[in-house]
Amino acid sequence: MTDDFFVARPVEKNPSRGRRWVIGLVVAIILIVLGVIALFAGDSIARAIAEDVVKSQVEQRLPENVEADVDVSIEGDWVIAQLVSGRLDNVVMSDENAVLDGVPVGIRIDATDVPTDVKQTVGHVDATATLDAAALNAFLTLPAGDPDLSLGDGTLAYENSSAFLGIPFSYLLSVTPQAAGTSLILTPESAELTTDLGSVDVAPVIERLVGDAPVTVCVAEYLPEGAQLTALAVAPEAADLTISMSDVELSGALLESRGSCG
């Protein structure tokens, strides 16, 4: 027995064991990543299929006076989980080139708490119609001869006629519109005479026109029954009118129904 028998020697490491551990970790990470990708891919496929089904169901239920190629987007996370629950968090349906009663309009519908069973009611719906001046005039009837509306920056304007000291004249009245449930409130902001009254002082005329009480126009007969006009944004190019409904069944019957002005 030699003297160096009891001398401690370094333990030789097995390089193959370390490599196996690293390889195993890499494989596990790859499998996890692939699983996540597969999950997302599966959800994306399910979302696309569900959107196609909703599109088909909606277009089949459009009334005869509506033409639309509806784009559908199902919002929210994990559409598979939503489908299993029987309700979709949020569904957006739109068509910038829809036709309603022969008039071109842009339509966007945001529906929340949407059942997969079309016979059940939707929790809430906000529907926005985008109309240019021609479309707005086609749908909206104003009192006093139903003058044509023109669009401004947050305002509407229309030409009308009156008389002052027995002298007839025409004027262009600019009003600020406000959505008010089943009514549209038009508050006068400014007026411009379009008839030359010669030497007549027109200041009292302008003051009277602008000082008139707001005009309330009932719009219930243009809305689906139970709908409320909740927002109106006006720009020179177009006006966006938003109506809201809760606990409704989205069907052709709803779109064909109309409220009343009493």
Protein backbone atom coordinates (compact mmCIF):
# COMPACT_ATOMS: atom_id res chain seq x y z
CA MET A 1 0.00 0.00 0.00
CA THR A 2 1.48 3.29 -1.06
CA ASP A 3 1.54 6.50 0.92
CA ASP A 4 -0.74 8.31 -1.49
CA PHE A 5 -3.56 5.79 -1.04
CA PHE A 6 -5.28 7.98 1.55
CA VAL A 7 -4.82 11.21 -0.39
CA ALA A 8 -8.19 12.73 -1.45
CA ARG A 9 -8.65 12.87 -5.15
CA PRO A 10 -11.19 15.10 -7.00
CA VAL A 11 -14.35 13.32 -8.06
CA GLU A 12 -14.64 13.17 -11.80
CA LYS A 13 -17.99 14.50 -13.05
CA ASN A 14 -20.01 12.60 -15.60
CA PRO A 15 -20.36 15.06 -18.48
CA SER A 16 -23.12 13.05 -20.14
CA ARG A 17 -25.36 13.36 -17.05
CA GLY A 18 -25.12 17.19 -17.13
CA ARG A 19 -25.89 17.27 -20.80
CA ARG A 20 -28.95 15.06 -20.28
CA TRP A 21 -30.27 17.46 -17.63
CA VAL A 22 -29.86 20.48 -19.91
CA ILE A 23 -31.45 18.66 -22.84
CA GLY A 24 -34.39 17.61 -20.66
CA LEU A 25 -34.94 21.21 -19.53
CA VAL A 26 -34.83 22.49 -23.11
CA VAL A 27 -37.28 19.82 -24.25
CA ALA A 28 -39.66 20.70 -21.40
CA ILE A 29 -39.54 24.39 -22.32
CA ILE A 30 -40.15 23.59 -25.99
CA LEU A 31 -43.14 21.41 -25.09
CA ILE A 32 -44.60 24.17 -22.93
CA VAL A 33 -44.15 26.73 -25.71
CA LEU A 34 -45.70 24.38 -28.27
CA GLY A 35 -48.61 23.74 -25.92
CA VAL A 36 -49.24 27.46 -25.52
CA ILE A 37 -49.01 27.96 -29.29
CA ALA A 38 -51.44 25.09 -29.86
CA LEU A 39 -53.82 26.57 -27.30
CA PHE A 40 -53.74 29.98 -28.95
CA ALA A 41 -54.04 28.42 -32.40
CA GLY A 42 -57.01 26.36 -31.29
CA ASP A 43 -58.67 29.43 -29.79
CA SER A 44 -58.01 31.43 -32.97
CA ILE A 45 -59.58 28.70 -35.09
CA ALA A 46 -62.60 28.50 -32.78
CA ARG A 47 -62.93 32.30 -32.86
CA ALA A 48 -62.86 32.37 -36.67
CA ILE A 49 -65.48 29.62 -36.90
CA ALA A 50 -67.71 31.34 -34.34
CA GLU A 51 -67.43 34.66 -36.19
CA ASP A 52 -68.47 32.98 -39.44
CA VAL A 53 -71.47 31.41 -37.71
CA VAL A 54 -72.55 34.74 -36.19
CA LYS A 55 -72.16 36.46 -39.58
CA SER A 56 -74.34 33.84 -41.24
CA GLN A 57 -77.01 34.00 -38.52
CA VAL A 58 -77.15 37.81 -38.59
CA GLU A 59 -77.35 38.10 -42.37
CA GLN A 60 -80.10 35.46 -42.51
CA ARG A 61 -82.17 37.54 -40.08
CA LEU A 62 -81.82 40.90 -41.84
CA PRO A 63 -85.17 42.36 -42.90
CA GLU A 64 -85.90 42.94 -46.57
CA ASN A 65 -85.21 46.68 -46.33
CA VAL A 66 -81.62 46.13 -45.13
CA GLU A 67 -78.67 45.06 -47.28
CA ALA A 68 -75.37 44.42 -45.54
CA ASP A 69 -72.19 42.37 -45.79
CA VAL A 70 -71.55 42.13 -42.07
CA ASP A 71 -68.06 41.98 -40.60
CA VAL A 72 -68.05 40.19 -37.23
CA SER A 73 -65.45 40.36 -34.48
CA ILE A 74 -65.78 38.42 -31.22
CA GLU A 75 -63.87 40.33 -28.55
CA GLY A 76 -62.43 39.14 -25.25
CA ASP A 77 -60.07 36.37 -24.15
CA TRP A 78 -60.44 32.65 -24.76
CA VAL A 79 -63.45 32.38 -27.02
CA ILE A 80 -63.61 28.63 -26.33
CA ALA A 81 -64.37 29.36 -22.68
CA GLN A 82 -67.01 31.89 -23.77
CA LEU A 83 -68.65 29.34 -26.06
CA VAL A 84 -68.69 26.74 -23.29
CA SER A 85 -70.40 29.25 -20.98
CA GLY A 86 -73.09 29.86 -23.59
CA ARG A 87 -72.54 33.63 -23.77
CA LEU A 88 -70.04 35.84 -25.60
CA ASP A 89 -68.55 38.82 -23.78
CA ASN A 90 -68.68 41.29 -26.66
CA VAL A 91 -69.51 40.99 -30.35
CA VAL A 92 -68.88 43.81 -32.83
CA MET A 93 -70.77 43.77 -36.15
CA SER A 94 -70.23 46.41 -38.81
CA ASP A 95 -70.63 47.36 -42.44
CA GLU A 96 -69.50 50.76 -43.72
CA ASN A 97 -71.55 50.32 -46.89
CA ALA A 98 -74.90 49.00 -45.69
CA VAL A 99 -78.14 50.06 -47.38
CA LEU A 100 -81.27 50.83 -45.34
CA ASP A 101 -84.49 51.54 -47.23
CA GLY A 102 -82.38 52.22 -50.32
CA VAL A 103 -80.19 54.77 -48.50
CA PRO A 104 -76.44 54.12 -47.95
CA VAL A 105 -75.43 54.15 -44.28
CA GLY A 106 -72.53 52.94 -42.19
CA ILE A 107 -73.52 50.63 -39.35
CA ARG A 108 -71.64 49.42 -36.27
CA ILE A 109 -73.25 47.33 -33.54
CA ASP A 110 -71.54 46.63 -30.21
CA ALA A 111 -73.38 43.86 -28.36
CA THR A 112 -72.40 42.68 -24.89
CA ASP A 113 -73.44 39.53 -23.04
CA VAL A 114 -74.49 37.81 -26.26
CA PRO A 115 -76.09 34.34 -25.97
CA THR A 116 -75.04 31.56 -28.32
CA ASP A 117 -78.73 30.65 -28.48
CA VAL A 118 -80.16 33.29 -30.83
CA LYS A 119 -83.60 32.94 -29.25
CA GLN A 120 -82.31 34.37 -25.97
CA THR A 121 -81.91 38.09 -25.29
CA VAL A 122 -78.72 40.12 -25.59
CA GLY A 123 -77.67 42.00 -22.47
CA HIS A 124 -76.98 45.39 -24.10
CA VAL A 125 -76.63 46.82 -27.59
CA ASP A 126 -75.14 50.11 -28.80
CA ALA A 127 -75.77 50.66 -32.50
CA THR A 128 -74.19 53.57 -34.38
CA ALA A 129 -75.36 54.70 -37.81
CA THR A 130 -73.14 56.99 -39.88
CA LEU A 131 -75.15 59.17 -42.27
CA ASP A 132 -74.12 61.90 -44.67
CA ALA A 133 -76.38 64.90 -45.23
CA ALA A 134 -78.43 63.17 -47.93
CA ALA A 135 -79.04 60.10 -45.76
CA LEU A 136 -79.94 62.21 -42.73
CA ASN A 137 -82.49 64.17 -44.76
CA ALA A 138 -83.92 60.94 -46.13
CA PHE A 139 -84.69 59.61 -42.65
CA LEU A 140 -85.39 62.71 -40.55
CA THR A 141 -88.46 64.90 -40.98
CA LEU A 142 -88.34 68.37 -39.45
CA PRO A 143 -91.36 70.54 -38.68
CA ALA A 144 -92.17 73.72 -40.62
CA GLY A 145 -92.02 72.30 -44.11
CA ASP A 146 -89.28 69.73 -43.49
CA PRO A 147 -86.32 71.85 -44.68
CA ASP A 148 -83.11 70.16 -45.81
CA LEU A 149 -80.36 69.84 -43.22
CA SER A 150 -76.70 70.58 -43.82
CA LEU A 151 -73.89 69.36 -41.56
CA GLY A 152 -71.39 71.53 -39.71
CA ASP A 153 -68.80 71.15 -36.98
CA GLY A 154 -71.04 69.98 -34.14
CA THR A 155 -74.03 71.77 -35.65
CA LEU A 156 -76.86 71.30 -38.11
CA ALA A 157 -78.19 74.07 -40.33
CA TYR A 158 -81.38 74.42 -42.31
CA GLU A 159 -83.09 77.14 -44.32
CA ASN A 160 -86.55 78.35 -43.42
CA SER A 161 -88.78 81.36 -43.91
CA SER A 162 -90.69 83.79 -41.73
CA ALA A 163 -91.98 87.38 -41.80
CA PHE A 164 -90.98 90.61 -40.07
CA LEU A 165 -93.21 93.69 -40.12
CA GLY A 166 -95.22 91.96 -42.79
CA ILE A 167 -92.15 91.43 -44.96
CA PRO A 168 -91.42 87.77 -45.81
CA PHE A 169 -87.82 86.64 -45.64
CA SER A 170 -85.70 83.50 -45.68
CA TYR A 171 -82.96 82.61 -43.26
CA LEU A 172 -80.36 79.95 -42.51
CA LEU A 173 -80.55 78.75 -38.91
CA SER A 174 -77.67 76.90 -37.25
CA VAL A 175 -78.66 74.65 -34.35
CA THR A 176 -76.86 72.41 -31.87
CA PRO A 177 -78.46 68.94 -31.81
CA GLN A 178 -78.80 66.90 -28.64
CA ALA A 179 -79.83 63.26 -28.29
CA ALA A 180 -82.66 62.85 -25.80
CA GLY A 181 -84.10 59.35 -25.73
CA THR A 182 -86.80 59.21 -28.39
CA SER A 183 -86.34 62.88 -29.27
CA LEU A 184 -83.82 65.14 -30.95
CA ILE A 185 -83.50 68.61 -29.42
CA LEU A 186 -82.35 71.41 -31.75
CA THR A 187 -81.14 74.53 -29.92
CA PRO A 188 -80.68 77.67 -32.10
CA GLU A 189 -77.11 79.02 -32.08
CA SER A 190 -76.90 81.51 -34.94
CA ALA A 191 -78.93 82.79 -37.87
CA GLU A 192 -78.15 84.36 -41.20
CA LEU A 193 -80.67 86.10 -43.41
CA THR A 194 -80.72 84.87 -46.99
CA THR A 195 -83.19 87.56 -48.13
CA ASP A 196 -82.15 91.18 -48.64
CA LEU A 197 -84.42 93.33 -46.47
CA GLY A 198 -82.89 96.53 -47.70
CA SER A 199 -82.71 99.23 -45.02
CA VAL A 200 -84.63 97.20 -42.45
CA ASP A 201 -82.70 96.71 -39.22
CA VAL A 202 -82.18 92.95 -39.15
CA ALA A 203 -80.73 92.77 -35.62
CA PRO A 204 -84.13 92.21 -33.94
CA VAL A 205 -84.88 89.52 -36.52
CA ILE A 206 -81.65 87.67 -35.77
CA GLU A 207 -82.20 88.00 -32.02
CA ARG A 208 -85.69 86.60 -32.32
CA LEU A 209 -84.58 83.64 -34.40
CA VAL A 210 -81.67 82.74 -32.12
CA GLY A 211 -83.73 83.39 -29.00
CA ASP A 212 -86.47 80.97 -30.01
CA ALA A 213 -87.03 77.99 -27.76
CA PRO A 214 -85.31 74.73 -28.76
CA VAL A 215 -87.20 72.60 -31.24
CA THR A 216 -87.95 69.03 -30.15
CA VAL A 217 -88.26 66.49 -32.94
CA CYS A 218 -89.64 63.04 -32.12
CA VAL A 219 -87.51 60.31 -33.69
CA ALA A 220 -89.19 57.26 -32.10
CA GLU A 221 -90.83 56.32 -35.40
CA TYR A 222 -87.38 55.91 -36.95
CA LEU A 223 -86.02 53.72 -34.14
CA PRO A 224 -86.57 50.05 -33.27
CA GLU A 225 -89.20 49.71 -30.57
CA GLY A 226 -87.67 50.29 -27.14
CA ALA A 227 -84.51 51.95 -28.50
CA GLN A 228 -83.17 55.22 -27.11
CA LEU A 229 -81.13 57.83 -28.98
CA THR A 230 -78.13 58.21 -26.65
CA ALA A 231 -75.50 60.11 -28.66
CA LEU A 232 -75.17 62.32 -31.72
CA ALA A 233 -71.86 63.53 -33.10
CA VAL A 234 -71.92 65.85 -36.11
CA ALA A 235 -69.07 66.66 -38.48
CA PRO A 236 -69.18 68.34 -41.90
CA GLU A 237 -68.77 64.95 -43.62
CA ALA A 238 -71.27 62.86 -41.67
CA ALA A 239 -73.28 62.47 -38.48
CA ASP A 240 -72.98 59.51 -36.09
CA LEU A 241 -76.22 58.61 -34.34
CA THR A 242 -76.03 56.06 -31.54
CA ILE A 243 -79.03 54.19 -30.19
CA SER A 244 -79.00 51.87 -27.18
CA MET A 245 -81.14 48.92 -26.12
CA SER A 246 -81.02 46.41 -23.28
CA ASP A 247 -82.35 42.86 -22.96
CA VAL A 248 -83.33 42.51 -26.61
CA GLU A 249 -83.53 39.66 -29.09
CA LEU A 250 -81.52 40.51 -32.20
CA SER A 251 -83.80 39.54 -35.05
CA GLY A 252 -85.35 40.85 -38.20
CA ALA A 253 -88.52 41.59 -36.26
CA LEU A 254 -86.60 43.99 -34.01
CA LEU A 255 -85.14 45.88 -36.97
CA GLU A 256 -88.54 46.09 -38.64
CA SER A 257 -90.33 47.29 -35.50
CA ARG A 258 -90.74 51.03 -34.84
CA GLY A 259 -91.62 53.12 -31.84
CA SER A 260 -94.31 55.78 -31.83
CA CYS A 261 -94.41 59.48 -31.07
CA GLY A 262 -97.70 59.25 -29.24
